[in-house]
N, C-alpha and C. Protein backbone atom coordinates (compact mmCIF):
# COMPACT_ATOMS: atom_id res chain seq x y z
N MET A 1 0.73 -1.54 0.21
CA MET A 1 -0.21 -0.43 -0.36
C MET A 1 0.71 1.40 -0.11
N THR A 2 2.46 0.97 0.39
CA THR A 2 2.93 2.50 0.66
C THR A 2 4.43 1.98 -0.15
N ALA A 3 5.16 3.09 -0.33
CA ALA A 3 6.19 2.83 -1.07
C ALA A 3 7.42 2.16 -0.87
N SER A 4 6.97 1.59 0.33
CA SER A 4 8.13 0.58 1.72
C SER A 4 7.37 -0.70 0.95
N ASP A 5 8.01 -1.72 1.40
CA ASP A 5 7.38 -3.32 0.87
C ASP A 5 6.99 -3.44 2.24
N SER A 6 5.77 -3.87 2.49
CA SER A 6 4.99 -4.02 4.19
C SER A 6 5.32 -5.41 4.67
N SER A 7 6.86 -5.88 4.18
CA SER A 7 7.27 -7.46 4.70
C SER A 7 8.14 -7.00 5.55
N PRO A 8 8.49 -7.70 6.90
CA PRO A 8 9.55 -7.23 7.90
C PRO A 8 10.53 -7.14 7.09
N ALA A 9 10.84 -8.81 6.49
CA ALA A 9 11.96 -8.68 5.82
C ALA A 9 12.60 -7.22 5.19
N ALA A 10 11.85 -6.43 4.62
CA ALA A 10 11.88 -4.79 3.98
C ALA A 10 12.35 -4.26 4.78
N ALA A 11 12.49 -4.06 6.56
CA ALA A 11 12.09 -3.30 7.33
C ALA A 11 13.55 -2.35 6.72
N HIS A 12 13.00 -0.58 6.49
CA HIS A 12 13.78 -0.11 6.59
C HIS A 12 13.90 1.34 7.31
N ASP A 13 14.71 1.86 7.12
CA ASP A 13 14.56 3.36 7.89
C ASP A 13 14.25 4.14 6.98
N ALA A 14 13.35 5.44 7.82
CA ALA A 14 12.60 6.34 7.48
C ALA A 14 13.22 7.50 8.24
N SER A 15 13.51 9.10 7.20
CA SER A 15 13.80 10.08 8.06
C SER A 15 12.95 11.45 8.10
N GLY A 16 11.99 11.14 7.58
CA GLY A 16 11.09 12.03 7.57
C GLY A 16 11.56 12.99 6.25
N ALA A 17 11.41 14.11 5.47
CA ALA A 17 11.30 14.59 4.46
C ALA A 17 12.45 15.36 4.27
N THR A 18 13.29 15.87 4.97
CA THR A 18 14.28 16.56 5.03
C THR A 18 15.54 15.74 4.77
N GLY A 19 16.14 14.81 4.51
CA GLY A 19 16.50 13.66 4.97
C GLY A 19 17.68 13.42 5.49
N GLU A 20 17.77 14.35 7.10
CA GLU A 20 18.77 13.95 7.73
C GLU A 20 18.85 12.37 8.47
N THR A 21 19.69 12.19 9.25
CA THR A 21 19.39 10.62 9.27
C THR A 21 18.52 10.04 9.86
N PRO A 22 18.24 8.54 9.60
CA PRO A 22 17.32 8.42 9.51
C PRO A 22 16.41 8.23 11.10
N ARG A 23 15.42 8.46 11.41
CA ARG A 23 15.08 8.64 12.98
C ARG A 23 14.16 7.65 12.83
N ILE A 24 13.23 6.53 12.25
CA ILE A 24 12.59 5.66 12.31
C ILE A 24 12.71 4.13 11.47
N ARG A 25 12.22 3.36 11.50
CA ARG A 25 12.85 1.54 11.16
C ARG A 25 10.95 1.41 10.63
N PHE A 26 10.57 1.49 9.67
CA PHE A 26 9.28 0.50 9.48
C PHE A 26 9.56 -1.21 9.92
N GLU A 27 8.61 -1.78 10.41
CA GLU A 27 8.70 -3.48 10.92
C GLU A 27 8.04 -4.09 10.42
N VAL A 28 6.25 -3.71 10.68
CA VAL A 28 5.33 -4.64 10.25
C VAL A 28 4.06 -3.96 10.05
N GLU A 29 3.72 -4.61 8.77
CA GLU A 29 2.29 -4.23 8.61
C GLU A 29 1.29 -5.08 8.78
N THR A 30 0.06 -4.61 9.02
CA THR A 30 -1.05 -6.13 8.97
C THR A 30 -1.84 -5.33 9.81
N ALA A 31 -3.51 -6.35 8.95
CA ALA A 31 -4.93 -5.59 9.41
C ALA A 31 -5.54 -5.71 10.26
N VAL A 32 -6.30 -4.79 11.10
CA VAL A 32 -6.75 -4.66 12.51
C VAL A 32 -8.02 -4.67 12.37
N PRO A 33 -9.04 -5.17 12.02
CA PRO A 33 -10.49 -4.95 11.98
C PRO A 33 -10.82 -4.39 13.03
N THR A 34 -11.51 -2.69 13.14
CA THR A 34 -12.41 -2.32 14.56
C THR A 34 -13.68 -1.91 14.53
N GLU A 35 -14.05 -1.39 15.06
CA GLU A 35 -15.57 -1.01 15.23
C GLU A 35 -15.92 0.40 14.09
N HIS A 36 -14.18 1.01 14.01
CA HIS A 36 -14.38 1.81 13.11
C HIS A 36 -14.41 1.33 11.48
N GLY A 37 -13.48 0.64 11.35
CA GLY A 37 -13.72 -0.44 10.28
C GLY A 37 -12.38 -0.64 10.18
N GLU A 38 -12.00 -1.47 8.99
CA GLU A 38 -10.71 -2.16 9.20
C GLU A 38 -9.69 -0.64 8.67
N PHE A 39 -8.27 -1.54 9.33
CA PHE A 39 -7.48 -0.37 8.90
C PHE A 39 -5.96 -1.42 9.03
N ARG A 40 -4.81 -0.63 8.37
CA ARG A 40 -3.97 -1.16 7.98
C ARG A 40 -2.85 -0.58 8.60
N VAL A 41 -2.48 -1.67 9.53
CA VAL A 41 -1.67 -0.43 10.90
C VAL A 41 -0.08 -0.83 10.35
N ARG A 42 0.66 0.04 10.23
CA ARG A 42 2.45 -0.04 10.03
C ARG A 42 3.03 -0.23 11.34
N GLY A 43 3.69 -0.50 11.95
CA GLY A 43 4.27 -0.44 13.45
C GLY A 43 5.88 0.16 12.63
N TYR A 44 6.05 1.19 13.41
CA TYR A 44 7.86 1.71 13.26
C TYR A 44 8.48 1.97 14.62
N THR A 45 9.76 1.64 15.01
CA THR A 45 10.62 1.61 15.99
C THR A 45 11.19 2.77 15.92
N ASP A 46 11.19 3.80 16.89
CA ASP A 46 12.18 5.25 16.48
C ASP A 46 13.23 4.68 16.81
N THR A 47 14.47 4.90 16.31
CA THR A 47 16.10 4.60 16.44
C THR A 47 16.89 5.40 17.39
N VAL A 48 15.92 5.97 17.98
CA VAL A 48 16.97 6.89 19.01
C VAL A 48 16.61 6.91 20.05
N THR A 49 14.83 6.52 20.65
CA THR A 49 13.88 6.28 21.83
C THR A 49 13.87 4.83 21.62
N GLY A 50 13.82 4.22 20.60
CA GLY A 50 13.13 2.65 20.92
C GLY A 50 11.84 2.83 20.91
N ILE A 51 11.28 3.85 21.22
CA ILE A 51 9.95 3.88 21.35
C ILE A 51 8.75 3.24 20.18
N VAL A 52 8.01 2.81 19.98
CA VAL A 52 7.39 2.38 18.55
C VAL A 52 5.59 2.93 18.36
N HIS A 53 5.89 3.38 17.11
CA HIS A 53 4.80 4.75 17.07
C HIS A 53 3.90 3.54 15.97
N LEU A 54 2.87 3.95 15.47
CA LEU A 54 1.44 3.29 14.50
C LEU A 54 1.42 3.89 13.80
N ALA A 55 1.61 3.88 12.36
CA ALA A 55 0.03 4.24 11.66
C ALA A 55 -0.77 3.61 10.78
N ILE A 56 -1.88 4.17 11.45
CA ILE A 56 -3.26 3.89 11.37
C ILE A 56 -4.39 4.27 10.20
N CYS A 57 -3.78 3.04 9.43
CA CYS A 57 -4.17 4.01 7.59
C CYS A 57 -5.45 3.20 7.44
N ALA A 58 -6.23 4.02 6.46
CA ALA A 58 -7.38 3.70 5.84
C ALA A 58 -7.45 4.03 4.52
N GLY A 59 -7.16 2.73 3.32
CA GLY A 59 -7.21 3.64 1.77
C GLY A 59 -6.10 3.62 1.63
N GLU A 60 -5.05 4.08 -0.03
CA GLU A 60 -4.28 4.61 -0.35
C GLU A 60 -4.01 5.75 -0.05
N PRO A 61 -2.76 5.82 0.44
CA PRO A 61 -1.98 6.85 1.09
C PRO A 61 -1.65 7.45 -0.13
N SER A 62 -1.86 9.10 -0.16
CA SER A 62 -2.00 10.09 -1.13
C SER A 62 -2.00 11.30 -0.67
N ASP A 63 -0.75 12.24 -1.77
CA ASP A 63 -1.00 13.79 -1.73
C ASP A 63 -2.12 14.41 -0.86
N GLY A 64 -2.55 15.15 0.07
CA GLY A 64 -3.61 15.24 0.52
C GLY A 64 -4.56 14.97 1.18
N MET A 65 -4.04 13.92 2.15
CA MET A 65 -4.90 13.16 3.16
C MET A 65 -5.22 13.81 4.11
N ARG A 66 -5.89 13.06 4.75
CA ARG A 66 -6.11 13.67 5.67
C ARG A 66 -5.07 13.14 7.33
N VAL A 67 -5.12 13.48 8.14
CA VAL A 67 -3.83 13.01 8.97
C VAL A 67 -4.18 13.38 9.98
N ARG A 68 -3.55 12.64 11.39
CA ARG A 68 -4.00 12.87 12.58
C ARG A 68 -3.03 12.65 13.31
N ILE A 69 -1.94 13.42 13.83
CA ILE A 69 -1.01 13.33 14.98
C ILE A 69 -1.52 13.16 16.30
N HIS A 70 -1.59 12.09 16.60
CA HIS A 70 -2.48 11.57 17.97
C HIS A 70 -1.41 11.00 19.02
N SER A 71 -1.43 11.90 20.29
CA SER A 71 -0.35 11.45 21.09
C SER A 71 -0.84 10.71 22.31
N GLU A 72 -0.29 9.45 22.57
CA GLU A 72 -0.65 8.44 23.10
C GLU A 72 -1.09 9.08 24.87
N CYS A 73 -2.33 8.29 24.71
CA CYS A 73 -3.10 9.36 26.45
C CYS A 73 -3.80 7.98 26.98
N LEU A 74 -3.15 6.87 27.86
CA LEU A 74 -3.80 5.93 28.21
C LEU A 74 -5.13 6.02 29.23
N THR A 75 -5.45 7.35 29.89
CA THR A 75 -6.51 7.50 30.85
C THR A 75 -7.37 8.49 29.93
N GLY A 76 -6.95 8.83 28.94
CA GLY A 76 -8.39 9.49 28.09
C GLY A 76 -9.00 8.35 27.31
N GLU A 77 -7.72 7.32 26.58
CA GLU A 77 -8.37 6.48 26.02
C GLU A 77 -8.83 5.35 26.36
N ALA A 78 -7.91 4.54 27.03
CA ALA A 78 -8.29 3.22 27.68
C ALA A 78 -9.48 3.61 28.80
N PHE A 79 -9.82 4.65 29.77
CA PHE A 79 -10.21 4.64 30.92
C PHE A 79 -11.62 5.70 31.14
N GLY A 80 -11.90 6.72 29.48
CA GLY A 80 -12.36 7.26 29.40
C GLY A 80 -12.69 8.74 30.67
N SER A 81 -11.34 8.73 31.08
CA SER A 81 -11.12 10.34 31.80
C SER A 81 -12.01 11.74 30.53
N MET A 82 -12.64 11.69 31.99
CA MET A 82 -13.07 13.67 31.48
C MET A 82 -12.19 14.11 31.88
N LYS A 83 -10.89 13.87 32.30
CA LYS A 83 -10.34 15.59 32.43
C LYS A 83 -9.46 16.24 31.06
N CYS A 84 -9.55 15.38 30.02
CA CYS A 84 -9.12 15.85 28.24
C CYS A 84 -10.04 15.33 27.15
N GLU A 85 -9.67 15.57 26.42
CA GLU A 85 -10.36 15.23 25.05
C GLU A 85 -9.80 14.44 24.31
N CYS A 86 -9.02 13.95 24.83
CA CYS A 86 -7.94 13.12 23.71
C CYS A 86 -8.71 11.39 23.47
N GLY A 87 -9.54 10.97 24.04
CA GLY A 87 -10.27 9.53 23.44
C GLY A 87 -11.47 9.86 22.83
N PRO A 88 -12.36 11.23 22.76
CA PRO A 88 -13.20 11.63 22.38
C PRO A 88 -12.19 11.75 20.95
N GLN A 89 -11.03 12.43 20.66
CA GLN A 89 -10.63 12.80 19.86
C GLN A 89 -9.95 11.56 18.46
N LEU A 90 -9.43 10.70 18.97
CA LEU A 90 -9.01 9.85 19.01
C LEU A 90 -10.49 8.59 17.78
N GLU A 91 -11.57 8.76 18.67
CA GLU A 91 -12.60 8.51 18.21
C GLU A 91 -12.94 8.86 16.97
N ALA A 92 -12.96 10.12 16.97
CA ALA A 92 -13.32 11.62 15.83
C ALA A 92 -12.22 10.89 14.71
N ALA A 93 -11.35 11.19 15.24
CA ALA A 93 -9.80 10.75 13.95
C ALA A 93 -10.91 9.69 13.47
N LEU A 94 -10.38 8.68 13.77
CA LEU A 94 -10.45 7.56 13.34
C LEU A 94 -11.90 7.49 12.22
N ASN A 95 -12.44 7.19 12.80
CA ASN A 95 -14.14 7.34 11.99
C ASN A 95 -13.82 8.69 10.86
N ILE A 96 -12.79 9.94 10.80
CA ILE A 96 -12.57 10.35 10.05
C ILE A 96 -11.75 9.49 8.58
N VAL A 97 -11.06 9.26 8.96
CA VAL A 97 -9.81 8.69 8.33
C VAL A 97 -10.60 7.49 7.77
N GLN A 98 -11.31 6.74 8.34
CA GLN A 98 -12.05 5.41 7.36
C GLN A 98 -13.18 5.94 6.60
N ALA A 99 -13.61 7.06 6.73
CA ALA A 99 -14.70 7.42 5.68
C ALA A 99 -13.95 7.82 5.04
N GLU A 100 -12.81 8.65 4.62
CA GLU A 100 -12.40 9.35 3.97
C GLU A 100 -11.07 9.29 3.27
N GLY A 101 -10.49 8.51 3.89
CA GLY A 101 -9.07 7.88 3.69
C GLY A 101 -8.04 8.90 4.27
N GLY A 102 -6.93 8.22 4.51
CA GLY A 102 -5.93 9.09 5.60
C GLY A 102 -5.10 7.91 6.66
N ALA A 103 -4.84 9.08 7.70
CA ALA A 103 -3.99 8.15 8.81
C ALA A 103 -4.18 8.58 9.50
N VAL A 104 -4.09 7.82 10.56
CA VAL A 104 -3.70 8.61 12.56
C VAL A 104 -2.29 7.83 12.78
N LEU A 105 -1.71 8.62 13.24
CA LEU A 105 -0.39 8.59 13.40
C LEU A 105 -0.34 8.38 15.08
N TYR A 106 0.33 7.46 15.33
CA TYR A 106 -0.08 7.80 16.74
C TYR A 106 1.48 7.73 17.60
N LEU A 107 1.38 8.62 18.13
CA LEU A 107 3.02 8.39 19.02
C LEU A 107 2.64 8.17 20.25
N ARG A 108 3.65 7.13 20.64
CA ARG A 108 3.74 6.31 22.19
C ARG A 108 5.28 7.14 22.52
N GLY A 109 5.05 7.13 23.66
CA GLY A 109 5.62 8.16 24.60
C GLY A 109 5.30 9.82 24.67
N HIS A 110 4.53 9.91 24.74
CA HIS A 110 3.63 11.08 25.09
C HIS A 110 3.08 12.01 26.26
N GLU A 111 2.42 10.55 26.25
CA GLU A 111 1.78 10.03 27.63
C GLU A 111 2.06 11.91 28.69
N GLY A 112 0.50 12.44 28.68
CA GLY A 112 0.81 14.17 29.45
C GLY A 112 2.10 14.68 28.68
N ARG A 113 1.51 15.37 27.75
CA ARG A 113 2.65 15.82 26.97
C ARG A 113 3.81 15.72 27.00
N GLY A 114 4.07 14.41 26.62
CA GLY A 114 5.71 13.82 27.11
C GLY A 114 6.21 13.44 28.19
N ILE A 115 4.99 14.00 29.42
CA ILE A 115 6.52 13.67 30.86
C ILE A 115 6.09 12.77 31.29
N GLY A 116 5.45 11.19 31.07
CA GLY A 116 5.03 10.14 31.42
C GLY A 116 3.94 9.87 32.34
N LEU A 117 3.66 8.87 32.07
CA LEU A 117 2.28 8.47 33.22
C LEU A 117 2.26 8.72 34.39
N LEU A 118 3.57 8.57 35.05
CA LEU A 118 3.46 9.00 36.71
C LEU A 118 3.81 10.46 36.71
N ASN A 119 4.40 11.04 36.06
CA ASN A 119 4.58 12.27 36.05
C ASN A 119 3.40 12.94 35.62
N LYS A 120 2.41 12.49 34.90
CA LYS A 120 0.66 13.24 34.20
C LYS A 120 0.14 13.00 35.03
N LEU A 121 0.61 11.72 36.34
CA LEU A 121 -0.66 11.80 37.34
C LEU A 121 -0.39 12.56 38.11
N ARG A 122 1.06 13.33 38.78
CA ARG A 122 1.34 13.65 40.12
C ARG A 122 1.02 15.29 39.26
N ALA A 123 1.06 15.48 38.25
CA ALA A 123 0.60 16.75 38.29
C ALA A 123 -1.12 16.57 37.81
N TYR A 124 -1.76 15.73 37.90
CA TYR A 124 -3.14 15.99 37.78
C TYR A 124 -3.51 16.03 39.31
N ARG A 125 -2.49 15.54 40.53
CA ARG A 125 -2.61 15.56 41.82
C ARG A 125 -2.58 17.03 42.03
N LEU A 126 -1.62 18.02 41.57
CA LEU A 126 -1.54 18.95 41.92
C LEU A 126 -2.35 20.36 40.87
N GLN A 127 -2.83 19.77 40.33
CA GLN A 127 -4.13 20.25 39.43
C GLN A 127 -5.48 20.36 40.62
N GLU A 128 -5.95 19.15 41.62
CA GLU A 128 -6.30 18.80 42.54
C GLU A 128 -6.36 20.93 43.72
N ASP A 129 -4.79 20.70 43.86
CA ASP A 129 -4.61 22.37 44.35
C ASP A 129 -5.24 23.30 44.38
N GLY A 130 -5.65 23.25 43.28
CA GLY A 130 -5.59 24.49 42.44
C GLY A 130 -4.71 25.13 40.64
N LEU A 131 -3.74 24.10 40.99
CA LEU A 131 -2.61 24.67 39.64
C LEU A 131 -3.77 24.16 38.82
N ASP A 132 -2.66 24.90 37.25
CA ASP A 132 -3.53 24.43 35.87
C ASP A 132 -2.63 23.41 35.14
N THR A 133 -3.23 22.93 34.52
CA THR A 133 -2.45 21.77 33.14
C THR A 133 -1.03 22.29 33.05
N VAL A 134 -0.17 23.98 32.88
CA VAL A 134 0.87 24.41 32.56
C VAL A 134 1.51 24.58 33.89
N ASP A 135 0.90 25.05 34.73
CA ASP A 135 1.93 25.78 35.90
C ASP A 135 1.97 23.97 36.97
N ALA A 136 1.13 23.68 36.86
CA ALA A 136 1.73 21.70 36.99
C ALA A 136 2.69 21.28 36.58
N ASN A 137 2.34 20.81 35.10
CA ASN A 137 4.10 20.58 35.08
C ASN A 137 5.59 21.13 35.27
N LEU A 138 5.23 22.84 35.29
CA LEU A 138 6.47 23.60 35.47
C LEU A 138 6.54 23.34 37.31
N ALA A 139 5.49 23.38 38.44
CA ALA A 139 5.70 22.94 39.28
C ALA A 139 6.82 21.47 39.42
N LEU A 140 6.21 20.73 38.57
CA LEU A 140 7.09 19.20 38.74
C LEU A 140 8.92 19.54 38.28
N GLY A 141 8.84 20.49 37.79
CA GLY A 141 10.53 20.82 37.31
C GLY A 141 10.74 20.43 35.82
N LEU A 142 9.02 19.81 35.31
CA LEU A 142 8.90 19.56 33.45
C LEU A 142 8.66 20.76 32.95
N PRO A 143 8.37 20.33 31.71
CA PRO A 143 8.10 21.39 30.32
C PRO A 143 6.50 21.57 30.69
N ALA A 144 6.28 22.13 30.10
CA ALA A 144 4.49 22.55 29.71
C ALA A 144 4.26 21.35 28.18
N ASP A 145 5.33 21.21 27.80
CA ASP A 145 5.13 20.59 26.39
C ASP A 145 6.02 19.66 25.83
N ALA A 146 6.56 18.24 26.63
CA ALA A 146 8.03 18.15 25.63
C ALA A 146 7.84 16.73 24.87
N ARG A 147 6.80 17.62 24.12
CA ARG A 147 6.32 16.34 22.60
C ARG A 147 7.58 16.80 21.19
N GLU A 148 7.96 15.64 20.97
CA GLU A 148 8.37 16.34 19.46
C GLU A 148 8.03 15.59 18.64
N TYR A 149 7.23 15.74 17.43
CA TYR A 149 6.87 14.80 15.84
C TYR A 149 7.74 13.96 14.94
N ILE A 150 8.78 14.83 15.46
CA ILE A 150 9.98 13.69 13.95
C ILE A 150 9.49 12.63 13.50
N ALA A 151 8.93 11.43 14.76
CA ALA A 151 8.33 10.28 13.81
C ALA A 151 6.99 10.93 13.07
N ALA A 152 6.46 11.40 13.25
CA ALA A 152 5.28 11.34 12.36
C ALA A 152 5.41 11.79 10.94
N ALA A 153 6.54 13.20 10.83
CA ALA A 153 7.15 12.90 10.01
C ALA A 153 7.70 12.18 9.16
N GLY A 154 8.24 11.39 9.71
CA GLY A 154 9.23 10.09 9.30
C GLY A 154 8.41 9.55 8.60
N MET A 155 7.28 9.09 9.39
CA MET A 155 5.87 7.52 8.46
C MET A 155 5.41 8.35 7.60
N LEU A 156 4.69 9.66 7.87
CA LEU A 156 4.81 10.62 6.42
C LEU A 156 5.29 10.24 5.31
N ASP A 157 6.76 10.23 5.30
CA ASP A 157 7.81 10.22 4.27
C ASP A 157 7.52 8.92 3.56
N ASP A 158 7.75 8.22 4.78
CA ASP A 158 7.96 6.27 4.67
C ASP A 158 6.32 5.93 3.29
N LEU A 159 5.32 6.65 3.47
CA LEU A 159 4.34 6.27 2.82
C LEU A 159 4.22 6.77 1.52
N GLY A 160 5.47 8.20 2.15
CA GLY A 160 4.78 8.70 0.48
C GLY A 160 4.12 9.95 0.26
N VAL A 161 3.96 10.65 1.68
CA VAL A 161 2.93 11.50 1.32
C VAL A 161 4.06 12.64 2.18
N GLY A 162 3.68 14.17 0.98
CA GLY A 162 4.38 15.15 1.08
C GLY A 162 3.65 16.44 1.96
N ARG A 163 2.37 15.84 1.81
CA ARG A 163 1.18 17.52 1.94
C ARG A 163 -0.13 16.59 2.37
N VAL A 164 -0.57 17.11 3.67
CA VAL A 164 -1.17 17.20 4.42
C VAL A 164 -2.76 17.86 4.20
N ARG A 165 -4.03 17.48 5.13
CA ARG A 165 -4.87 18.17 5.83
C ARG A 165 -4.77 17.37 7.24
N LEU A 166 -4.73 18.34 8.92
CA LEU A 166 -4.05 17.82 9.47
C LEU A 166 -5.09 18.16 10.28
N LEU A 167 -5.63 17.19 10.91
CA LEU A 167 -6.47 16.97 11.73
C LEU A 167 -5.92 17.43 13.44
N THR A 168 -6.25 19.01 13.57
CA THR A 168 -5.71 19.05 14.59
C THR A 168 -6.66 20.46 15.49
N ASN A 169 -6.12 20.88 16.68
CA ASN A 169 -6.21 22.37 17.12
C ASN A 169 -5.10 22.48 17.72
N ASN A 170 -4.03 22.24 17.26
CA ASN A 170 -2.64 22.67 17.48
C ASN A 170 -1.71 22.78 16.80
N PRO A 171 -1.22 24.21 16.90
CA PRO A 171 -0.53 24.65 15.64
C PRO A 171 0.57 24.79 15.78
N LEU A 172 1.00 23.98 17.36
CA LEU A 172 2.69 23.63 17.58
C LEU A 172 2.84 22.18 16.22
N LYS A 173 1.51 21.87 16.31
CA LYS A 173 1.90 19.98 15.52
C LYS A 173 2.03 20.57 14.02
N GLN A 174 1.44 21.49 13.48
CA GLN A 174 1.29 21.72 12.06
C GLN A 174 3.04 22.34 11.83
N ALA A 175 3.23 22.96 12.83
CA ALA A 175 4.65 23.68 12.84
C ALA A 175 5.70 22.89 12.51
N ALA A 176 5.01 21.61 13.20
CA ALA A 176 6.53 20.35 13.90
C ALA A 176 6.56 19.77 12.12
N LEU A 177 5.22 20.15 11.58
CA LEU A 177 5.25 18.97 10.18
C LEU A 177 6.05 19.85 9.62
N GLU A 178 5.95 20.89 9.19
CA GLU A 178 6.16 22.20 8.00
C GLU A 178 7.47 21.96 8.31
N GLU A 179 7.94 22.40 9.98
CA GLU A 179 9.58 21.85 9.90
C GLU A 179 10.61 21.08 9.08
N HIS A 180 9.63 19.78 9.55
CA HIS A 180 10.29 18.26 8.89
C HIS A 180 10.18 18.12 7.58
N GLY A 181 9.55 19.60 6.92
CA GLY A 181 9.43 19.55 5.37
C GLY A 181 8.11 18.84 5.00
N ILE A 182 7.35 18.98 5.69
CA ILE A 182 5.80 17.72 5.50
C ILE A 182 4.94 19.68 5.21
N GLU A 183 4.34 19.98 3.66
CA GLU A 183 3.18 21.29 3.77
C GLU A 183 2.23 20.50 4.09
N VAL A 184 1.53 21.29 5.11
CA VAL A 184 -0.41 21.31 5.28
C VAL A 184 -0.67 22.26 4.76
N ILE A 185 -1.21 21.85 3.70
CA ILE A 185 -2.29 22.85 3.01
C ILE A 185 -3.45 22.87 3.64
N GLU A 186 -3.80 22.48 4.53
CA GLU A 186 -5.47 22.63 5.50
C GLU A 186 -5.23 22.19 6.89
N ARG A 187 -5.46 23.20 7.91
CA ARG A 187 -5.64 23.00 9.07
C ARG A 187 -6.98 22.18 9.46
N VAL A 188 -7.27 21.07 9.70
CA VAL A 188 -8.77 20.66 10.17
C VAL A 188 -9.16 20.38 11.75
N PRO A 189 -10.25 21.75 12.48
CA PRO A 189 -10.23 21.50 13.37
C PRO A 189 -10.56 19.89 13.77
N LEU A 190 -10.48 20.10 15.10
CA LEU A 190 -10.92 18.90 15.26
C LEU A 190 -11.44 19.28 17.40
N GLU A 191 -12.58 19.47 17.70
CA GLU A 191 -13.16 19.78 18.74
C GLU A 191 -14.20 19.07 19.29
N VAL A 192 -13.90 18.44 19.91
CA VAL A 192 -14.55 17.08 20.46
C VAL A 192 -14.48 16.54 21.81
N GLY A 193 -15.64 16.09 22.54
CA GLY A 193 -15.15 16.13 24.16
C GLY A 193 -15.20 17.40 24.78
N ARG A 194 -15.26 18.11 24.69
CA ARG A 194 -15.24 18.95 25.84
C ARG A 194 -16.83 18.83 26.68
N ASN A 195 -16.33 19.44 28.08
CA ASN A 195 -17.55 18.51 29.54
C ASN A 195 -17.21 19.15 30.22
N ALA A 196 -18.41 19.07 31.20
CA ALA A 196 -17.82 20.09 32.83
C ALA A 196 -16.83 20.00 33.55
N VAL A 197 -16.17 19.12 33.13
CA VAL A 197 -14.74 18.54 33.68
C VAL A 197 -13.44 18.92 33.38
N ASN A 198 -13.38 19.47 31.82
CA ASN A 198 -12.68 19.59 31.31
C ASN A 198 -12.60 21.01 30.75
N ASP A 199 -13.36 21.74 30.83
CA ASP A 199 -14.04 23.07 30.29
C ASP A 199 -12.62 23.97 30.67
N GLU A 200 -12.31 24.04 31.51
CA GLU A 200 -11.13 25.16 32.27
C GLU A 200 -9.86 24.65 31.39
N TYR A 201 -9.45 23.25 31.65
CA TYR A 201 -8.13 22.43 31.15
C TYR A 201 -8.65 22.71 29.56
N LEU A 202 -9.43 23.06 28.82
CA LEU A 202 -9.47 23.59 27.53
C LEU A 202 -9.16 25.06 27.48
N LYS A 203 -10.01 25.72 28.14
CA LYS A 203 -9.31 26.87 28.33
C LYS A 203 -8.00 27.56 28.43
N VAL A 204 -7.35 26.65 29.25
CA VAL A 204 -6.31 27.09 29.96
C VAL A 204 -5.21 26.91 28.37
N LYS A 205 -5.71 25.25 27.47
CA LYS A 205 -5.02 25.19 26.53
C LYS A 205 -4.89 26.12 25.71
N ALA A 206 -6.05 26.83 25.46
CA ALA A 206 -6.04 28.09 24.36
C ALA A 206 -5.56 29.47 24.63
N GLU A 207 -5.84 30.01 25.83
CA GLU A 207 -4.85 31.30 26.57
C GLU A 207 -3.33 30.70 26.47
N ARG A 208 -3.19 30.21 26.93
CA ARG A 208 -1.48 29.85 27.75
C ARG A 208 -0.40 28.72 26.23
N MET A 209 -1.19 27.50 26.04
CA MET A 209 -0.65 27.14 24.78
C MET A 209 -1.02 27.22 23.21
N GLY A 210 -1.92 27.96 22.94
CA GLY A 210 -1.98 28.31 21.32
C GLY A 210 -3.10 27.72 20.68
N HIS A 211 -3.72 26.67 21.56
CA HIS A 211 -4.49 26.08 20.57
C HIS A 211 -5.70 26.58 20.32
N LEU A 212 -6.52 26.34 18.98
CA LEU A 212 -7.46 27.43 18.86
C LEU A 212 -8.80 26.44 18.57
N PHE A 213 -9.26 27.25 19.35
CA PHE A 213 -11.60 26.97 18.83
C PHE A 213 -12.11 27.50 18.33
N GLY A 214 -12.92 27.54 18.50
CA GLY A 214 -14.06 28.03 17.82
C GLY A 214 -13.89 28.60 16.48
C-alpha cells in the first residue's frame, strides 16, 4: 500500500522529508478490523528512543489526505477520563480517516504531553490543589509540553506523503511537520470531547498554549 515493502524482511529506515539521519524504522504492517472499520496498521521503531509508533491507515496513502497526529493518552483512551479530550479526539479521527481515507499517526511516549504516566498523575494531583495544566508541569520541574513530532514526519515520508490536511487544534503540530518538510495544506479543527470537567483545562490550552478553538 505504500512506497515501502510491507514485509518485515524489508524493514528500512525512514527519516522524514528533510533527509536527516534516519529516525524511524518500519517493522511490520497488518490488517486490524475495528468498530470503526478495517485499518492497515504499520509499526515503526524510533531508532533513537526505541519507542514504537503506529500509522493507522485507511485507503491508499496520497498527497492531501487527512492526517491526525495523536499523542498517546492511557487515561483518556482506555479509561474514558473526562479530564481531557484525547479519547473522543481519537475516536473522531478514526471515523474521519475511515470515511475519507488517510492516517492516524499514533505517537507513543507522549503521555502527559511527553512527561510520562507517573508524572502526569503527579500533575493531576497538583491540579487538585488549584494549579492549571501548565503550572502543574512546571511545578514538577518539567516542560509544559515535552513532545516532538519528527517520528510523525518520518512515517509520512515512508508512506510517500508530502502534503496533508491535518486534523488538529494545535498549531505546534502543524509547525513541527512543516519544519520537517511536510506541507500542511489545511488545518482541520477537531473540536470534540468538551465537558464540564475539562472546560477550564481547554480554556488554559487556548490561552496559554495557543490551541485554536471555535
